[in-house]
Amino acid sequence: MSRRPDGALETDVLRALWAANAPMSPADVLDCVEPDLAYTSIATVLNRLCDKGLVTRTRVGRKYVYLATGSEADLTARRIGTLLDAADDREAALAGFLRTLNSEDTHVLKALLDGEE
């Protein structure tokens, strides 16, 4: 089995939780991602996501179930915010980001900024 890119397993686990839209056990998540993984790998990822505040954990009987705390859009916004916070020149980072947008994305962003959601 080849090595996954950094963060790929976390993303896969979050996608499983988002798709289920209901609390899932590590075994449930394992059924939705790569079956060659160990149960303990999924449990570790879920615990790390819980530590990061991206999922909540609730005890049900003798096991824990996990639920995503936000949507994929929420996570994307959080990641963008983190990158902007880390930039030495926030204005330049925003300008560079704007240059990467296509015309449709630019139109949507302008409408959002103008309050035309």
C-alpha atoms as a PDB file:
ATOM      1  CA  MET A   1       0.000   0.000   0.000  1.00  0.00           C
ATOM      2  CA  SER A   2       1.430   3.406  -0.917  1.00  0.00           C
ATOM      3  CA  ARG A   3       1.746   6.272   1.525  1.00  0.00           C
ATOM      4  CA  ARG A   4      -1.092   8.808   1.553  1.00  0.00           C
ATOM      5  CA  PRO A   5      -0.371  12.524   1.242  1.00  0.00           C
ATOM      6  CA  ASP A   6      -0.371  14.420   4.542  1.00  0.00           C
ATOM      7  CA  GLY A   7      -3.898  15.026   5.777  1.00  0.00           C
ATOM      8  CA  ALA A   8      -5.518  12.714   3.226  1.00  0.00           C
ATOM      9  CA  LEU A   9      -6.741  10.173   5.781  1.00  0.00           C
ATOM     10  CA  GLU A  10      -8.159  12.945   7.981  1.00  0.00           C
ATOM     11  CA  THR A  11      -9.988  14.307   4.948  1.00  0.00           C
ATOM     12  CA  ASP A  12     -11.337  10.858   4.055  1.00  0.00           C
ATOM     13  CA  VAL A  13     -12.566  10.338   7.611  1.00  0.00           C
ATOM     14  CA  LEU A  14     -14.241  13.755   7.654  1.00  0.00           C
ATOM     15  CA  ARG A  15     -15.898  13.038   4.301  1.00  0.00           C
ATOM     16  CA  ALA A  16     -17.323   9.812   5.716  1.00  0.00           C
ATOM     17  CA  LEU A  17     -18.724  11.730   8.701  1.00  0.00           C
ATOM     18  CA  TRP A  18     -20.162  14.490   6.488  1.00  0.00           C
ATOM     19  CA  ALA A  19     -21.819  11.947   4.184  1.00  0.00           C
ATOM     20  CA  ALA A  20     -23.369  10.052   7.084  1.00  0.00           C
ATOM     21  CA  ASN A  21     -24.626  13.222   8.767  1.00  0.00           C
ATOM     22  CA  ALA A  22     -25.013  11.106  11.912  1.00  0.00           C
ATOM     23  CA  PRO A  23     -22.656   9.909  14.645  1.00  0.00           C
ATOM     24  CA  MET A  24     -20.384   7.074  13.549  1.00  0.00           C
ATOM     25  CA  SER A  25     -18.188   4.608  15.396  1.00  0.00           C
ATOM     26  CA  PRO A  26     -14.615   4.017  14.227  1.00  0.00           C
ATOM     27  CA  ALA A  27     -15.824   0.714  12.712  1.00  0.00           C
ATOM     28  CA  ASP A  28     -18.529   2.575  10.766  1.00  0.00           C
ATOM     29  CA  VAL A  29     -15.943   5.031   9.462  1.00  0.00           C
ATOM     30  CA  LEU A  30     -13.575   2.199   8.550  1.00  0.00           C
ATOM     31  CA  ASP A  31     -16.323   0.661   6.397  1.00  0.00           C
ATOM     32  CA  CYS A  32     -16.526   3.955   4.448  1.00  0.00           C
ATOM     33  CA  VAL A  33     -12.810   4.460   3.858  1.00  0.00           C
ATOM     34  CA  GLU A  34     -10.028   2.129   2.806  1.00  0.00           C
ATOM     35  CA  PRO A  35     -10.721  -1.358   4.200  1.00  0.00           C
ATOM     36  CA  ASP A  36      -6.993  -2.207   4.352  1.00  0.00           C
ATOM     37  CA  LEU A  37      -6.540   0.213   7.238  1.00  0.00           C
ATOM     38  CA  ALA A  38      -6.444  -0.904  10.840  1.00  0.00           C
ATOM     39  CA  TYR A  39      -9.278  -0.012  13.194  1.00  0.00           C
ATOM     40  CA  THR A  40      -6.702   1.617  15.473  1.00  0.00           C
ATOM     41  CA  SER A  41      -5.584   3.931  12.645  1.00  0.00           C
ATOM     42  CA  ILE A  42      -9.135   5.231  12.226  1.00  0.00           C
ATOM     43  CA  ALA A  43      -9.587   5.556  16.001  1.00  0.00           C
ATOM     44  CA  THR A  44      -6.341   7.549  16.207  1.00  0.00           C
ATOM     45  CA  VAL A  45      -7.400   9.882  13.386  1.00  0.00           C
ATOM     46  CA  LEU A  46     -10.801  10.409  15.017  1.00  0.00           C
ATOM     47  CA  ASN A  47      -9.128  11.256  18.332  1.00  0.00           C
ATOM     48  CA  ARG A  48      -6.808  13.748  16.611  1.00  0.00           C
ATOM     49  CA  LEU A  49      -9.762  15.349  14.818  1.00  0.00           C
ATOM     50  CA  CYS A  50     -11.514  15.572  18.173  1.00  0.00           C
ATOM     51  CA  ASP A  51      -8.435  17.281  19.682  1.00  0.00           C
ATOM     52  CA  LYS A  52      -8.502  19.776  16.788  1.00  0.00           C
ATOM     53  CA  GLY A  53     -12.181  20.516  17.417  1.00  0.00           C
ATOM     54  CA  LEU A  54     -13.267  19.155  14.044  1.00  0.00           C
ATOM     55  CA  VAL A  55     -15.346  16.315  15.501  1.00  0.00           C
ATOM     56  CA  THR A  56     -17.138  15.648  18.768  1.00  0.00           C
ATOM     57  CA  ARG A  57     -17.024  12.373  20.647  1.00  0.00           C
ATOM     58  CA  THR A  58     -19.913  10.881  22.621  1.00  0.00           C
ATOM     59  CA  ARG A  59     -19.871   7.699  24.636  1.00  0.00           C
ATOM     60  CA  VAL A  60     -22.608   5.233  23.677  1.00  0.00           C
ATOM     61  CA  GLY A  61     -22.455   2.149  25.846  1.00  0.00           C
ATOM     62  CA  ARG A  62     -18.878   0.897  25.766  1.00  0.00           C
ATOM     63  CA  LYS A  63     -17.851   2.691  22.579  1.00  0.00           C
ATOM     64  CA  TYR A  64     -17.486   6.213  21.280  1.00  0.00           C
ATOM     65  CA  VAL A  65     -19.251   7.688  18.291  1.00  0.00           C
ATOM     66  CA  TYR A  66     -18.052  10.739  16.415  1.00  0.00           C
ATOM     67  CA  LEU A  67     -19.788  13.574  14.609  1.00  0.00           C
ATOM     68  CA  ALA A  68     -18.268  16.358  12.489  1.00  0.00           C
ATOM     69  CA  THR A  69     -18.617  19.768  14.147  1.00  0.00           C
ATOM     70  CA  GLY A  70     -18.969  21.610  10.854  1.00  0.00           C
ATOM     71  CA  SER A  71     -19.341  21.205   7.126  1.00  0.00           C
ATOM     72  CA  GLU A  72     -16.686  20.871   4.456  1.00  0.00           C
ATOM     73  CA  ALA A  73     -17.220  24.561   3.660  1.00  0.00           C
ATOM     74  CA  ASP A  74     -16.590  25.437   7.321  1.00  0.00           C
ATOM     75  CA  LEU A  75     -13.320  23.495   7.280  1.00  0.00           C
ATOM     76  CA  THR A  76     -12.207  25.112   4.029  1.00  0.00           C
ATOM     77  CA  ALA A  77     -12.912  28.571   5.438  1.00  0.00           C
ATOM     78  CA  ARG A  78     -10.975  27.689   8.596  1.00  0.00           C
ATOM     79  CA  ARG A  79      -7.994  26.510   6.537  1.00  0.00           C
ATOM     80  CA  ILE A  80      -8.015  29.673   4.411  1.00  0.00           C
ATOM     81  CA  GLY A  81      -8.151  31.777   7.573  1.00  0.00           C
ATOM     82  CA  THR A  82      -5.215  29.874   9.062  1.00  0.00           C
ATOM     83  CA  LEU A  83      -3.152  30.442   5.912  1.00  0.00           C
ATOM     84  CA  LEU A  84      -3.981  34.147   5.890  1.00  0.00           C
ATOM     85  CA  ASP A  85      -3.096  34.452   9.578  1.00  0.00           C
ATOM     86  CA  ALA A  86       0.298  32.891   8.853  1.00  0.00           C
ATOM     87  CA  ALA A  87       1.097  35.251   5.943  1.00  0.00           C
ATOM     88  CA  ASP A  88       3.606  38.031   6.587  1.00  0.00           C
ATOM     89  CA  ASP A  89       1.756  40.224   4.077  1.00  0.00           C
ATOM     90  CA  ARG A  90      -1.947  39.482   4.358  1.00  0.00           C
ATOM     91  CA  GLU A  91      -2.872  41.969   1.607  1.00  0.00           C
ATOM     92  CA  ALA A  92      -0.425  40.374  -0.843  1.00  0.00           C
ATOM     93  CA  ALA A  93      -1.736  36.914   0.055  1.00  0.00           C
ATOM     94  CA  LEU A  94      -5.321  38.033  -0.593  1.00  0.00           C
ATOM     95  CA  ALA A  95      -4.299  39.682  -3.870  1.00  0.00           C
ATOM     96  CA  GLY A  96      -2.551  36.491  -4.946  1.00  0.00           C
ATOM     97  CA  PHE A  97      -5.607  34.454  -4.038  1.00  0.00           C
ATOM     98  CA  LEU A  98      -7.845  36.750  -6.074  1.00  0.00           C
ATOM     99  CA  ARG A  99      -5.591  36.276  -9.120  1.00  0.00           C
ATOM    100  CA  THR A 100      -6.210  32.516  -8.923  1.00  0.00           C
ATOM    101  CA  LEU A 101     -10.008  32.847  -9.061  1.00  0.00           C
ATOM    102  CA  ASN A 102     -11.916  32.311 -12.293  1.00  0.00           C
ATOM    103  CA  SER A 103     -14.516  34.857 -13.376  1.00  0.00           C
ATOM    104  CA  GLU A 104     -17.422  32.918 -11.846  1.00  0.00           C
ATOM    105  CA  ASP A 105     -15.682  32.683  -8.464  1.00  0.00           C
ATOM    106  CA  THR A 106     -14.835  36.392  -8.639  1.00  0.00           C
ATOM    107  CA  HIS A 107     -18.497  37.209  -9.319  1.00  0.00           C
ATOM    108  CA  VAL A 108     -19.644  35.055  -6.365  1.00  0.00           C
ATOM    109  CA  LEU A 109     -17.083  36.631  -4.043  1.00  0.00           C
ATOM    110  CA  LYS A 110     -18.072  40.145  -5.097  1.00  0.00           C
ATOM    111  CA  ALA A 111     -21.749  39.337  -4.522  1.00  0.00           C
ATOM    112  CA  LEU A 112     -20.949  37.970  -1.071  1.00  0.00           C
ATOM    113  CA  LEU A 113     -18.933  41.066  -0.193  1.00  0.00           C
ATOM    114  CA  ASP A 114     -21.771  43.272  -1.404  1.00  0.00           C
ATOM    115  CA  GLY A 115     -24.236  41.357   0.767  1.00  0.00           C
ATOM    116  CA  GLU A 116     -26.113  39.834  -2.167  1.00  0.00           C
ATOM    117  CA  GLU A 117     -25.859  36.251  -0.864  1.00  0.00           C
END
